[in-house]
Amino acid sequence: MSDTGRQSFTDKAGAALKPDSQKSTTEQLGDHFKGTGDNIASTLQPQSDKSAGQKAGDTFSLNSNHNDDSLLTKAKNAFGMGEKK
């Protein structure tokens, strides 16, 4: 089961298994935008906050960010507004 706000694994599999030549333009655009949104969500969500299933799904789909800090946390740290360690 995918985490909240992430594309479901069945949607990803369905999009990947159906050849683009059999998809309508609307379907291709939908797959593109859903995939892009899921990539952004994967990058913004720290690995430590992902469920085991989501980590496995991201690894399988080559969508793993392998970082512990989200982009927001990295930006805060870059400007000195993050947590002091």
Protein backbone atom coordinates (compact mmCIF):
# COMPACT_ATOMS: atom_id res chain seq x y z
CA MET A 1 0.00 0.00 0.00
CA SER A 2 1.33 3.41 -0.94
CA ASP A 3 1.60 6.29 1.50
CA THR A 4 -0.99 9.07 1.56
CA GLY A 5 -0.50 11.54 -1.27
CA ARG A 6 1.44 9.06 -3.40
CA GLN A 7 0.40 7.29 -6.58
CA SER A 8 -0.89 3.78 -5.91
CA PHE A 9 1.28 0.85 -6.89
CA THR A 10 -1.50 -0.61 -9.06
CA ASP A 11 -1.80 2.67 -11.00
CA LYS A 12 1.97 2.72 -11.55
CA ALA A 13 2.01 -0.90 -12.71
CA GLY A 14 -0.94 -0.38 -15.03
CA ALA A 15 0.67 2.66 -16.62
CA ALA A 16 3.99 0.88 -17.03
CA LEU A 17 2.58 -2.33 -18.48
CA LYS A 18 0.39 -0.74 -21.16
CA PRO A 19 2.45 0.35 -24.18
CA ASP A 20 2.27 4.05 -25.07
CA SER A 21 1.16 3.05 -28.57
CA GLN A 22 -2.08 1.73 -27.05
CA LYS A 23 -2.74 4.84 -24.94
CA SER A 24 -4.69 7.91 -25.95
CA THR A 25 -2.98 11.29 -25.79
CA THR A 26 -5.05 12.11 -22.70
CA GLU A 27 -3.96 8.88 -21.03
CA GLN A 28 -0.30 9.55 -21.84
CA LEU A 29 -0.52 13.08 -20.44
CA GLY A 30 -2.25 11.79 -17.30
CA ASP A 31 0.47 9.19 -16.76
CA HIS A 32 3.14 11.86 -17.23
CA PHE A 33 1.61 14.28 -14.73
CA LYS A 34 0.87 11.56 -12.16
CA GLY A 35 4.42 10.22 -12.47
CA THR A 36 5.94 13.67 -12.14
CA GLY A 37 3.77 14.41 -9.10
CA ASP A 38 4.79 11.14 -7.49
CA ASN A 39 8.48 11.85 -8.15
CA ILE A 40 8.13 15.23 -6.46
CA ALA A 41 6.29 13.68 -3.52
CA SER A 42 9.02 11.05 -3.18
CA THR A 43 11.71 13.74 -3.12
CA LEU A 44 9.87 15.91 -0.60
CA GLN A 45 9.11 13.02 1.78
CA PRO A 46 12.11 12.03 3.94
CA GLN A 47 13.08 8.36 3.83
CA SER A 48 12.54 8.20 7.60
CA ASP A 49 8.86 9.13 7.13
CA LYS A 50 8.14 6.52 4.46
CA SER A 51 6.45 3.25 5.29
CA ALA A 52 8.32 0.03 4.53
CA GLY A 53 5.97 -0.60 1.62
CA GLN A 54 6.57 2.85 0.16
CA LYS A 55 10.34 2.47 0.47
CA ALA A 56 10.13 -0.86 -1.37
CA GLY A 57 7.84 0.61 -4.02
CA ASP A 58 10.13 3.59 -4.58
CA THR A 59 13.15 1.32 -4.87
CA PHE A 60 11.35 -0.95 -7.33
CA SER A 61 10.23 2.00 -9.46
CA LEU A 62 13.67 3.66 -9.24
CA ASN A 63 12.06 6.55 -7.41
CA SER A 64 14.09 6.38 -4.21
CA ASN A 65 15.65 9.59 -2.96
CA HIS A 66 18.02 7.89 -0.46
CA ASN A 67 18.17 10.94 1.77
CA ASP A 68 17.02 11.49 5.29
CA ASP A 69 16.19 15.17 4.90
CA SER A 70 13.39 16.50 2.72
CA LEU A 71 14.12 19.30 0.27
CA LEU A 72 12.33 21.71 2.60
CA THR A 73 14.60 20.69 5.49
CA LYS A 74 17.67 21.05 3.28
CA ALA A 75 16.56 24.54 2.24
CA LYS A 76 15.97 25.55 5.85
CA ASN A 77 19.39 24.23 6.83
CA ALA A 78 21.02 26.10 3.94
CA PHE A 79 19.58 29.36 5.24
CA GLY A 80 20.42 28.58 8.85
CA MET A 81 16.76 28.17 9.81
CA GLY A 82 16.86 24.40 10.39
CA GLU A 83 17.32 22.45 13.58
CA LYS A 84 20.61 22.94 15.36
CA LYS A 85 22.48 19.65 15.57
